[in-house]
Amino acid sequence: MSLGFLSQTILCLLSLLTLSSALYFHIGETERKCFIEEIPDDTVITGNYEVQVFDRNVNDFLPSTPGIGMHVEVRDPDDKVVLSKVYSSKGRFTFQSHTPGEHIICLMSNSTQWFGAGQLRVHLDIQVGEHAVDYGQVAEKEKMSELELRVRQLLEQVEQISKEQNYQRYREERFRLTSESTNQRVLWWSVAQTCILLLTGFWQMRHLKSFFEAKKLV
């Protein structure tokens, strides 16, 4: 098998496994926007963003002024703060997950204009796992050939897929435990209802018997 054919095969696999999560949204200068990202443990996440400000003169969004920055806060599934930092109007934030589950990523402008606050457009691109790695810098730093770099990308993507599978198994296990706990509670509630009905029926029979005996009907 030639190196050219192997390189083309790896490129095809990489193109099939590429993930993109770019979006943009509108917020006020004092508003807060949060996203929930399900992330496996021991995974690097990188977010690239750019802030634009609405200009009424041109009726369009223009690049933000240097005074407007973006406060980024990330919380893990245990509600612990993983990242809390103020960045400029355009930049990148990076953090690593230590607990699998839903991570909350919140963005908010550092503006304090409560009155007359403008409208912002935030472009956000979140990269998870190997997609957060700058392989251009890796190749330059470690003097890797193109084929070696592609093979490394593929290996790291396979590792990321393994982490995703482990996370899905973790979710299934947690869902199974929750279902079993719910079913057990329903069972005990049914038993309790049955016992209450039996006790109520027994009390009513005793009460009726005492009533009839008092009236000398029996």
C-alpha atoms as a PDB file:
ATOM      1  CA  MET A   1       0.000   0.000   0.000  1.00  0.00           C
ATOM      2  CA  SER A   2       1.491   3.354  -1.046  1.00  0.00           C
ATOM      3  CA  LEU A   3       1.867   6.303   1.316  1.00  0.00           C
ATOM      4  CA  GLY A   4      -0.276   8.441  -0.984  1.00  0.00           C
ATOM      5  CA  PHE A   5      -3.195   6.033  -0.801  1.00  0.00           C
ATOM      6  CA  LEU A   6      -2.817   5.709   2.975  1.00  0.00           C
ATOM      7  CA  SER A   7      -2.767   9.481   3.348  1.00  0.00           C
ATOM      8  CA  GLN A   8      -5.930   9.852   1.230  1.00  0.00           C
ATOM      9  CA  THR A   9      -7.684   7.159   3.291  1.00  0.00           C
ATOM     10  CA  ILE A  10      -6.816   8.907   6.549  1.00  0.00           C
ATOM     11  CA  LEU A  11      -7.999  12.239   5.153  1.00  0.00           C
ATOM     12  CA  CYS A  12     -11.343  10.682   4.223  1.00  0.00           C
ATOM     13  CA  LEU A  13     -11.761   9.254   7.734  1.00  0.00           C
ATOM     14  CA  LEU A  14     -10.919  12.609   9.284  1.00  0.00           C
ATOM     15  CA  SER A  15     -13.440  14.378   7.095  1.00  0.00           C
ATOM     16  CA  LEU A  16     -16.150  11.957   8.251  1.00  0.00           C
ATOM     17  CA  LEU A  17     -15.319  12.524  11.912  1.00  0.00           C
ATOM     18  CA  THR A  18     -15.119  16.341  11.786  1.00  0.00           C
ATOM     19  CA  LEU A  19     -17.474  18.121  14.177  1.00  0.00           C
ATOM     20  CA  SER A  20     -18.579  21.750  14.016  1.00  0.00           C
ATOM     21  CA  SER A  21     -20.667  23.641  16.554  1.00  0.00           C
ATOM     22  CA  ALA A  22     -20.421  27.260  15.368  1.00  0.00           C
ATOM     23  CA  LEU A  23     -23.354  29.618  16.036  1.00  0.00           C
ATOM     24  CA  TYR A  24     -24.199  33.199  16.850  1.00  0.00           C
ATOM     25  CA  PHE A  25     -26.761  34.785  19.166  1.00  0.00           C
ATOM     26  CA  HIS A  26     -27.991  38.215  20.247  1.00  0.00           C
ATOM     27  CA  ILE A  27     -27.856  39.542  23.815  1.00  0.00           C
ATOM     28  CA  GLY A  28     -28.089  42.911  25.505  1.00  0.00           C
ATOM     29  CA  GLU A  29     -24.984  44.452  27.037  1.00  0.00           C
ATOM     30  CA  THR A  30     -26.159  43.442  30.510  1.00  0.00           C
ATOM     31  CA  GLU A  31     -27.726  40.086  29.640  1.00  0.00           C
ATOM     32  CA  ARG A  32     -26.354  36.624  30.308  1.00  0.00           C
ATOM     33  CA  LYS A  33     -26.518  33.680  27.907  1.00  0.00           C
ATOM     34  CA  CYS A  34     -25.830  30.092  28.962  1.00  0.00           C
ATOM     35  CA  PHE A  35     -25.364  26.842  27.062  1.00  0.00           C
ATOM     36  CA  ILE A  36     -25.334  23.245  28.252  1.00  0.00           C
ATOM     37  CA  GLU A  37     -22.655  20.998  26.780  1.00  0.00           C
ATOM     38  CA  GLU A  38     -22.467  17.290  27.593  1.00  0.00           C
ATOM     39  CA  ILE A  39     -18.777  16.507  27.953  1.00  0.00           C
ATOM     40  CA  PRO A  40     -16.894  13.322  28.923  1.00  0.00           C
ATOM     41  CA  ASP A  41     -14.267  13.498  31.634  1.00  0.00           C
ATOM     42  CA  ASP A  42     -10.649  14.453  30.913  1.00  0.00           C
ATOM     43  CA  THR A  43     -11.617  16.352  27.758  1.00  0.00           C
ATOM     44  CA  VAL A  44     -10.259  19.690  26.527  1.00  0.00           C
ATOM     45  CA  ILE A  45     -12.832  22.255  25.354  1.00  0.00           C
ATOM     46  CA  THR A  46     -11.979  25.415  23.444  1.00  0.00           C
ATOM     47  CA  GLY A  47     -14.353  28.245  22.601  1.00  0.00           C
ATOM     48  CA  ASN A  48     -13.622  30.909  19.992  1.00  0.00           C
ATOM     49  CA  TYR A  49     -15.837  33.977  20.074  1.00  0.00           C
ATOM     50  CA  GLU A  50     -16.216  37.442  18.595  1.00  0.00           C
ATOM     51  CA  VAL A  51     -18.484  40.252  19.801  1.00  0.00           C
ATOM     52  CA  GLN A  52     -20.189  42.731  17.473  1.00  0.00           C
ATOM     53  CA  VAL A  53     -22.189  45.827  18.487  1.00  0.00           C
ATOM     54  CA  PHE A  54     -25.329  47.059  16.739  1.00  0.00           C
ATOM     55  CA  ASP A  55     -24.800  50.486  15.159  1.00  0.00           C
ATOM     56  CA  ARG A  56     -28.037  52.430  14.667  1.00  0.00           C
ATOM     57  CA  ASN A  57     -26.396  54.720  12.122  1.00  0.00           C
ATOM     58  CA  VAL A  58     -25.747  51.924   9.630  1.00  0.00           C
ATOM     59  CA  ASN A  59     -28.466  49.602  11.004  1.00  0.00           C
ATOM     60  CA  ASP A  60     -26.016  46.699  11.200  1.00  0.00           C
ATOM     61  CA  PHE A  61     -23.630  44.939  13.563  1.00  0.00           C
ATOM     62  CA  LEU A  62     -20.036  46.214  13.541  1.00  0.00           C
ATOM     63  CA  PRO A  63     -16.873  45.047  15.349  1.00  0.00           C
ATOM     64  CA  SER A  64     -16.986  45.827  19.058  1.00  0.00           C
ATOM     65  CA  THR A  65     -15.141  48.715  20.656  1.00  0.00           C
ATOM     66  CA  PRO A  66     -12.074  47.832  22.788  1.00  0.00           C
ATOM     67  CA  GLY A  67     -13.923  48.706  26.015  1.00  0.00           C
ATOM     68  CA  ILE A  68     -16.446  45.873  25.678  1.00  0.00           C
ATOM     69  CA  GLY A  69     -15.240  42.490  26.860  1.00  0.00           C
ATOM     70  CA  MET A  70     -16.814  39.135  27.573  1.00  0.00           C
ATOM     71  CA  HIS A  71     -17.030  37.387  30.932  1.00  0.00           C
ATOM     72  CA  VAL A  72     -16.961  33.591  30.558  1.00  0.00           C
ATOM     73  CA  GLU A  73     -18.031  31.277  33.369  1.00  0.00           C
ATOM     74  CA  VAL A  74     -18.088  27.480  33.232  1.00  0.00           C
ATOM     75  CA  ARG A  75     -19.628  25.186  35.855  1.00  0.00           C
ATOM     76  CA  ASP A  76     -19.310  21.401  36.008  1.00  0.00           C
ATOM     77  CA  PRO A  77     -22.109  18.900  36.848  1.00  0.00           C
ATOM     78  CA  ASP A  78     -21.342  19.384  40.572  1.00  0.00           C
ATOM     79  CA  ASP A  79     -21.947  23.153  40.168  1.00  0.00           C
ATOM     80  CA  LYS A  80     -18.265  23.902  40.787  1.00  0.00           C
ATOM     81  CA  VAL A  81     -16.730  26.820  38.901  1.00  0.00           C
ATOM     82  CA  VAL A  82     -14.245  25.472  36.369  1.00  0.00           C
ATOM     83  CA  LEU A  83     -13.529  28.790  34.654  1.00  0.00           C
ATOM     84  CA  SER A  84     -14.424  32.402  35.466  1.00  0.00           C
ATOM     85  CA  LYS A  85     -12.536  35.070  33.566  1.00  0.00           C
ATOM     86  CA  VAL A  86     -13.039  38.316  31.652  1.00  0.00           C
ATOM     87  CA  TYR A  87     -11.711  38.319  28.084  1.00  0.00           C
ATOM     88  CA  SER A  88     -11.536  40.935  25.350  1.00  0.00           C
ATOM     89  CA  SER A  89     -14.208  41.408  22.671  1.00  0.00           C
ATOM     90  CA  LYS A  90     -12.584  38.709  20.531  1.00  0.00           C
ATOM     91  CA  GLY A  91     -10.620  35.748  21.753  1.00  0.00           C
ATOM     92  CA  ARG A  92     -10.489  32.171  22.941  1.00  0.00           C
ATOM     93  CA  PHE A  93     -11.178  30.375  26.225  1.00  0.00           C
ATOM     94  CA  THR A  94     -10.030  26.867  27.134  1.00  0.00           C
ATOM     95  CA  PHE A  95     -10.815  24.505  29.988  1.00  0.00           C
ATOM     96  CA  GLN A  96     -10.593  20.793  30.763  1.00  0.00           C
ATOM     97  CA  SER A  97     -13.393  18.691  32.190  1.00  0.00           C
ATOM     98  CA  HIS A  98     -12.742  16.524  35.248  1.00  0.00           C
ATOM     99  CA  THR A  99     -16.277  15.213  35.777  1.00  0.00           C
ATOM    100  CA  PRO A 100     -18.452  13.695  33.021  1.00  0.00           C
ATOM    101  CA  GLY A 101     -21.830  15.265  32.468  1.00  0.00           C
ATOM    102  CA  GLU A 102     -23.548  18.534  31.633  1.00  0.00           C
ATOM    103  CA  HIS A 103     -21.295  21.583  31.802  1.00  0.00           C
ATOM    104  CA  ILE A 104     -22.911  25.040  31.811  1.00  0.00           C
ATOM    105  CA  ILE A 105     -21.068  27.652  29.742  1.00  0.00           C
ATOM    106  CA  CYS A 106     -22.252  31.228  30.367  1.00  0.00           C
ATOM    107  CA  LEU A 107     -21.217  34.389  28.534  1.00  0.00           C
ATOM    108  CA  MET A 108     -21.963  37.940  29.608  1.00  0.00           C
ATOM    109  CA  SER A 109     -20.679  41.328  28.544  1.00  0.00           C
ATOM    110  CA  ASN A 110     -18.652  43.271  31.112  1.00  0.00           C
ATOM    111  CA  SER A 111     -20.628  46.410  30.206  1.00  0.00           C
ATOM    112  CA  THR A 112     -22.413  48.239  33.057  1.00  0.00           C
ATOM    113  CA  GLN A 113     -24.783  50.308  30.906  1.00  0.00           C
ATOM    114  CA  TRP A 114     -28.123  49.458  32.499  1.00  0.00           C
ATOM    115  CA  PHE A 115     -29.839  52.339  30.689  1.00  0.00           C
ATOM    116  CA  GLY A 116     -29.441  52.675  26.962  1.00  0.00           C
ATOM    117  CA  ALA A 117     -27.590  49.374  26.667  1.00  0.00           C
ATOM    118  CA  GLY A 118     -26.939  48.276  23.110  1.00  0.00           C
ATOM    119  CA  GLN A 119     -27.550  45.003  21.325  1.00  0.00           C
ATOM    120  CA  LEU A 120     -24.666  42.574  20.874  1.00  0.00           C
ATOM    121  CA  ARG A 121     -24.126  39.749  18.427  1.00  0.00           C
ATOM    122  CA  VAL A 122     -21.797  37.028  19.698  1.00  0.00           C
ATOM    123  CA  HIS A 123     -20.251  34.507  17.307  1.00  0.00           C
ATOM    124  CA  LEU A 124     -19.320  31.352  19.208  1.00  0.00           C
ATOM    125  CA  ASP A 125     -17.542  28.213  18.067  1.00  0.00           C
ATOM    126  CA  ILE A 126     -17.083  25.461  20.684  1.00  0.00           C
ATOM    127  CA  GLN A 127     -14.598  22.699  19.902  1.00  0.00           C
ATOM    128  CA  VAL A 128     -14.544  19.526  22.008  1.00  0.00           C
ATOM    129  CA  GLY A 129     -11.742  17.009  22.365  1.00  0.00           C
ATOM    130  CA  GLU A 130      -9.252  16.698  19.539  1.00  0.00           C
ATOM    131  CA  HIS A 131     -11.061  19.475  17.645  1.00  0.00           C
ATOM    132  CA  ALA A 132      -9.775  21.909  20.280  1.00  0.00           C
ATOM    133  CA  VAL A 133      -6.133  21.122  19.478  1.00  0.00           C
ATOM    134  CA  ASP A 134      -4.191  23.360  17.097  1.00  0.00           C
ATOM    135  CA  TYR A 135      -2.431  20.675  15.065  1.00  0.00           C
ATOM    136  CA  GLY A 136      -0.563  23.277  13.032  1.00  0.00           C
ATOM    137  CA  GLN A 137       1.325  24.329  16.145  1.00  0.00           C
ATOM    138  CA  VAL A 138       1.789  20.685  17.168  1.00  0.00           C
ATOM    139  CA  ALA A 139       3.335  19.795  13.806  1.00  0.00           C
ATOM    140  CA  GLU A 140       5.627  22.835  13.895  1.00  0.00           C
ATOM    141  CA  LYS A 141       6.717  22.179  17.475  1.00  0.00           C
ATOM    142  CA  GLU A 142       7.351  18.442  17.117  1.00  0.00           C
ATOM    143  CA  LYS A 143       8.643  18.563  13.512  1.00  0.00           C
ATOM    144  CA  MET A 144       6.036  16.097  12.266  1.00  0.00           C
ATOM    145  CA  SER A 145       5.364  15.207   8.653  1.00  0.00           C
ATOM    146  CA  GLU A 146       1.883  15.553   7.189  1.00  0.00           C
ATOM    147  CA  LEU A 147       1.253  11.806   7.352  1.00  0.00           C
ATOM    148  CA  GLU A 148       2.473  11.568  10.953  1.00  0.00           C
ATOM    149  CA  LEU A 149       0.234  14.478  11.865  1.00  0.00           C
ATOM    150  CA  ARG A 150      -2.809  12.879  10.221  1.00  0.00           C
ATOM    151  CA  VAL A 151      -2.136   9.572  11.975  1.00  0.00           C
ATOM    152  CA  ARG A 152      -1.891  11.378  15.305  1.00  0.00           C
ATOM    153  CA  GLN A 153      -5.161  13.191  14.609  1.00  0.00           C
ATOM    154  CA  LEU A 154      -6.852   9.907  13.815  1.00  0.00           C
ATOM    155  CA  LEU A 155      -5.531   8.252  16.984  1.00  0.00           C
ATOM    156  CA  GLU A 156      -6.712  11.146  19.144  1.00  0.00           C
ATOM    157  CA  GLN A 157     -10.112  11.062  17.456  1.00  0.00           C
ATOM    158  CA  VAL A 158     -10.373   7.343  18.185  1.00  0.00           C
ATOM    159  CA  GLU A 159      -9.477   8.113  21.815  1.00  0.00           C
ATOM    160  CA  GLN A 160     -12.172  10.798  21.905  1.00  0.00           C
ATOM    161  CA  ILE A 161     -14.730   8.354  20.476  1.00  0.00           C
ATOM    162  CA  SER A 162     -13.764   5.909  23.240  1.00  0.00           C
ATOM    163  CA  LYS A 163     -14.354   8.638  25.838  1.00  0.00           C
ATOM    164  CA  GLU A 164     -17.741   9.390  24.291  1.00  0.00           C
ATOM    165  CA  GLN A 165     -18.672   5.705  24.435  1.00  0.00           C
ATOM    166  CA  ASN A 166     -17.611   5.507  28.087  1.00  0.00           C
ATOM    167  CA  TYR A 167     -19.696   8.593  28.809  1.00  0.00           C
ATOM    168  CA  GLN A 168     -22.730   7.069  27.090  1.00  0.00           C
ATOM    169  CA  ARG A 169     -22.288   3.918  29.184  1.00  0.00           C
ATOM    170  CA  TYR A 170     -22.091   6.136  32.271  1.00  0.00           C
ATOM    171  CA  ARG A 171     -25.345   7.864  31.264  1.00  0.00           C
ATOM    172  CA  GLU A 172     -27.057   4.516  30.636  1.00  0.00           C
ATOM    173  CA  GLU A 173     -25.912   3.230  34.025  1.00  0.00           C
ATOM    174  CA  ARG A 174     -27.172   6.374  35.750  1.00  0.00           C
ATOM    175  CA  PHE A 175     -30.496   6.142  33.896  1.00  0.00           C
ATOM    176  CA  ARG A 176     -30.837   2.464  34.829  1.00  0.00           C
ATOM    177  CA  LEU A 177     -30.208   3.230  38.507  1.00  0.00           C
ATOM    178  CA  THR A 178     -32.736   6.059  38.388  1.00  0.00           C
ATOM    179  CA  SER A 179     -35.324   3.781  36.738  1.00  0.00           C
ATOM    180  CA  GLU A 180     -34.747   1.029  39.283  1.00  0.00           C
ATOM    181  CA  SER A 181     -35.048   3.508  42.150  1.00  0.00           C
ATOM    182  CA  THR A 182     -38.275   4.916  40.689  1.00  0.00           C
ATOM    183  CA  ASN A 183     -39.751   1.453  40.156  1.00  0.00           C
ATOM    184  CA  GLN A 184     -38.853   0.475  43.719  1.00  0.00           C
ATOM    185  CA  ARG A 185     -40.517   3.597  45.100  1.00  0.00           C
ATOM    186  CA  VAL A 186     -43.638   2.908  43.033  1.00  0.00           C
ATOM    187  CA  LEU A 187     -43.705  -0.663  44.337  1.00  0.00           C
ATOM    188  CA  TRP A 188     -43.411   0.410  47.974  1.00  0.00           C
ATOM    189  CA  TRP A 189     -46.030   3.111  47.429  1.00  0.00           C
ATOM    190  CA  SER A 190     -48.416   0.462  46.043  1.00  0.00           C
ATOM    191  CA  VAL A 191     -47.722  -1.779  49.060  1.00  0.00           C
ATOM    192  CA  ALA A 192     -48.336   1.145  51.402  1.00  0.00           C
ATOM    193  CA  GLN A 193     -51.623   1.981  49.643  1.00  0.00           C
ATOM    194  CA  THR A 194     -52.735  -1.650  49.927  1.00  0.00           C
ATOM    195  CA  CYS A 195     -51.902  -1.728  53.657  1.00  0.00           C
ATOM    196  CA  ILE A 196     -53.757   1.540  54.229  1.00  0.00           C
ATOM    197  CA  LEU A 197     -56.835   0.186  52.428  1.00  0.00           C
ATOM    198  CA  LEU A 198     -56.763  -3.045  54.447  1.00  0.00           C
ATOM    199  CA  LEU A 199     -56.378  -1.167  57.736  1.00  0.00           C
ATOM    200  CA  THR A 200     -59.166   1.245  56.758  1.00  0.00           C
ATOM    201  CA  GLY A 201     -61.482  -1.648  55.852  1.00  0.00           C
ATOM    202  CA  PHE A 202     -60.675  -3.466  59.110  1.00  0.00           C
ATOM    203  CA  TRP A 203     -61.357  -0.287  61.143  1.00  0.00           C
ATOM    204  CA  GLN A 204     -64.657   0.298  59.340  1.00  0.00           C
ATOM    205  CA  MET A 205     -65.764  -3.298  60.028  1.00  0.00           C
ATOM    206  CA  ARG A 206     -64.904  -2.941  63.725  1.00  0.00           C
ATOM    207  CA  HIS A 207     -66.692   0.378  63.880  1.00  0.00           C
ATOM    208  CA  LEU A 208     -69.827  -1.033  62.209  1.00  0.00           C
ATOM    209  CA  LYS A 209     -69.795  -4.063  64.505  1.00  0.00           C
ATOM    210  CA  SER A 210     -69.571  -1.833  67.583  1.00  0.00           C
ATOM    211  CA  PHE A 211     -72.397   0.329  66.214  1.00  0.00           C
ATOM    212  CA  PHE A 212     -74.703  -2.642  65.608  1.00  0.00           C
ATOM    213  CA  GLU A 213     -73.890  -4.110  69.016  1.00  0.00           C
ATOM    214  CA  ALA A 214     -74.671  -0.771  70.678  1.00  0.00           C
ATOM    215  CA  LYS A 215     -78.032  -0.622  68.881  1.00  0.00           C
ATOM    216  CA  LYS A 216     -78.613  -4.308  69.796  1.00  0.00           C
ATOM    217  CA  LEU A 217     -79.118  -5.155  66.190  1.00  0.00           C
ATOM    218  CA  VAL A 218     -76.837  -8.177  66.395  1.00  0.00           C
END
